[in-house]
């Protein structure tokens, strides 16, 4: 499980630059409705948020379209050979 954005604005969910396997987790903390964008299985996400906050409202897919393998991929620098 990996949290990509914590306590973020709900407009971030509409970004196409998120990976396809990311979820929006809606929960209540300090009587405020908060949103996180996370990756992992639904079981892992629910267990983590339930153990931490005890009040999970919903977990649903984000609208990202990036292949999960290519998300946060760093290209190698071209090194000249001698």
C-alpha atoms as a PDB file:
ATOM      1  CA  UNK A   1       0.000   0.000   0.000  1.00  0.00           C
ATOM      2  CA  UNK A   2       1.240   3.490  -0.865  1.00  0.00           C
ATOM      3  CA  UNK A   3      -0.370   6.863  -0.196  1.00  0.00           C
ATOM      4  CA  UNK A   4       0.156   9.169  -3.198  1.00  0.00           C
ATOM      5  CA  UNK A   5      -1.644  12.295  -1.902  1.00  0.00           C
ATOM      6  CA  UNK A   6      -2.800  12.737   1.664  1.00  0.00           C
ATOM      7  CA  UNK A   7      -5.636  15.066   2.707  1.00  0.00           C
ATOM      8  CA  UNK A   8      -5.903  16.442  -0.812  1.00  0.00           C
ATOM      9  CA  UNK A   9      -8.514  18.394  -2.706  1.00  0.00           C
ATOM     10  CA  UNK A  10     -11.165  16.257  -4.433  1.00  0.00           C
ATOM     11  CA  UNK A  11     -10.382  17.935  -7.793  1.00  0.00           C
ATOM     12  CA  UNK A  12      -7.120  15.950  -7.945  1.00  0.00           C
ATOM     13  CA  UNK A  13      -9.124  12.788  -8.572  1.00  0.00           C
ATOM     14  CA  UNK A  14     -10.004  14.025 -12.059  1.00  0.00           C
ATOM     15  CA  UNK A  15      -6.365  14.186 -13.148  1.00  0.00           C
ATOM     16  CA  UNK A  16      -5.489  11.768 -15.912  1.00  0.00           C
ATOM     17  CA  UNK A  17      -1.860  11.622 -14.705  1.00  0.00           C
ATOM     18  CA  UNK A  18      -2.702   9.269 -11.823  1.00  0.00           C
ATOM     19  CA  UNK A  19      -2.106   5.526 -12.224  1.00  0.00           C
ATOM     20  CA  UNK A  20      -5.027   3.306 -13.203  1.00  0.00           C
ATOM     21  CA  UNK A  21      -4.778   1.277 -10.003  1.00  0.00           C
ATOM     22  CA  UNK A  22      -5.160   4.223  -7.618  1.00  0.00           C
ATOM     23  CA  UNK A  23      -8.131   4.674  -5.307  1.00  0.00           C
ATOM     24  CA  UNK A  24      -9.809   7.664  -3.681  1.00  0.00           C
ATOM     25  CA  UNK A  25     -10.383   6.986   0.021  1.00  0.00           C
ATOM     26  CA  UNK A  26     -12.958   9.152   1.775  1.00  0.00           C
ATOM     27  CA  UNK A  27     -12.824   9.184   5.588  1.00  0.00           C
ATOM     28  CA  UNK A  28     -13.688  11.360   8.581  1.00  0.00           C
ATOM     29  CA  UNK A  29     -10.939  12.693  10.823  1.00  0.00           C
ATOM     30  CA  UNK A  30     -11.465  15.379  13.488  1.00  0.00           C
ATOM     31  CA  UNK A  31     -15.084  15.755  12.271  1.00  0.00           C
ATOM     32  CA  UNK A  32     -13.835  16.768   8.813  1.00  0.00           C
ATOM     33  CA  UNK A  33     -14.342  14.843   5.594  1.00  0.00           C
ATOM     34  CA  UNK A  34     -10.910  14.120   4.061  1.00  0.00           C
ATOM     35  CA  UNK A  35      -9.710  12.469   0.851  1.00  0.00           C
ATOM     36  CA  UNK A  36      -6.547  10.487   0.139  1.00  0.00           C
ATOM     37  CA  UNK A  37      -5.293   9.014  -3.115  1.00  0.00           C
ATOM     38  CA  UNK A  38      -3.690   5.629  -2.491  1.00  0.00           C
ATOM     39  CA  UNK A  39      -2.479   2.524  -4.298  1.00  0.00           C
ATOM     40  CA  UNK A  40      -2.863  -1.040  -3.091  1.00  0.00           C
ATOM     41  CA  UNK A  41      -5.571  -3.642  -2.709  1.00  0.00           C
ATOM     42  CA  UNK A  42      -8.937  -2.576  -1.326  1.00  0.00           C
ATOM     43  CA  UNK A  43      -8.475  -4.899   1.651  1.00  0.00           C
ATOM     44  CA  UNK A  44      -5.135  -3.309   2.568  1.00  0.00           C
ATOM     45  CA  UNK A  45      -6.546   0.194   2.164  1.00  0.00           C
ATOM     46  CA  UNK A  46      -9.635  -0.508   4.242  1.00  0.00           C
ATOM     47  CA  UNK A  47      -7.630  -2.195   7.005  1.00  0.00           C
ATOM     48  CA  UNK A  48      -5.166   0.692   7.219  1.00  0.00           C
ATOM     49  CA  UNK A  49      -7.776   3.471   7.215  1.00  0.00           C
ATOM     50  CA  UNK A  50     -10.121   1.629   9.572  1.00  0.00           C
ATOM     51  CA  UNK A  51      -7.303   0.955  12.051  1.00  0.00           C
ATOM     52  CA  UNK A  52      -6.080   4.551  11.819  1.00  0.00           C
ATOM     53  CA  UNK A  53      -9.286   6.636  11.585  1.00  0.00           C
ATOM     54  CA  UNK A  54     -12.160   4.195  12.410  1.00  0.00           C
ATOM     55  CA  UNK A  55     -14.531   6.007  10.061  1.00  0.00           C
ATOM     56  CA  UNK A  56     -14.123   5.069   6.375  1.00  0.00           C
ATOM     57  CA  UNK A  57     -16.901   6.477   4.187  1.00  0.00           C
ATOM     58  CA  UNK A  58     -15.974   5.157   0.736  1.00  0.00           C
ATOM     59  CA  UNK A  59     -13.208   3.744  -1.445  1.00  0.00           C
ATOM     60  CA  UNK A  60     -13.505   4.139  -5.215  1.00  0.00           C
ATOM     61  CA  UNK A  61     -11.353   4.253  -8.351  1.00  0.00           C
ATOM     62  CA  UNK A  62      -9.630   7.434  -9.439  1.00  0.00           C
ATOM     63  CA  UNK A  63      -9.867   8.600 -13.042  1.00  0.00           C
ATOM     64  CA  UNK A  64      -6.172   8.109 -13.803  1.00  0.00           C
ATOM     65  CA  UNK A  65      -5.095   6.596 -17.113  1.00  0.00           C
ATOM     66  CA  UNK A  66      -1.340   6.087 -16.672  1.00  0.00           C
ATOM     67  CA  UNK A  67      -0.010   2.531 -16.754  1.00  0.00           C
ATOM     68  CA  UNK A  68       0.991   1.633 -13.152  1.00  0.00           C
ATOM     69  CA  UNK A  69       4.399   0.391 -14.301  1.00  0.00           C
ATOM     70  CA  UNK A  70       5.184   3.762 -15.865  1.00  0.00           C
ATOM     71  CA  UNK A  71       3.958   5.910 -12.981  1.00  0.00           C
ATOM     72  CA  UNK A  72       6.884   7.714 -11.298  1.00  0.00           C
ATOM     73  CA  UNK A  73       9.289   6.118 -13.762  1.00  0.00           C
ATOM     74  CA  UNK A  74      12.650   7.873 -13.899  1.00  0.00           C
ATOM     75  CA  UNK A  75      14.503   7.639 -17.181  1.00  0.00           C
ATOM     76  CA  UNK A  76      18.179   6.787 -17.151  1.00  0.00           C
ATOM     77  CA  UNK A  77      20.687   9.425 -18.118  1.00  0.00           C
ATOM     78  CA  UNK A  78      22.508   8.843 -21.375  1.00  0.00           C
ATOM     79  CA  UNK A  79      26.161   8.253 -20.571  1.00  0.00           C
ATOM     80  CA  UNK A  80      28.756   8.623 -23.286  1.00  0.00           C
ATOM     81  CA  UNK A  81      31.095   5.700 -23.625  1.00  0.00           C
ATOM     82  CA  UNK A  82      34.774   6.388 -23.916  1.00  0.00           C
END
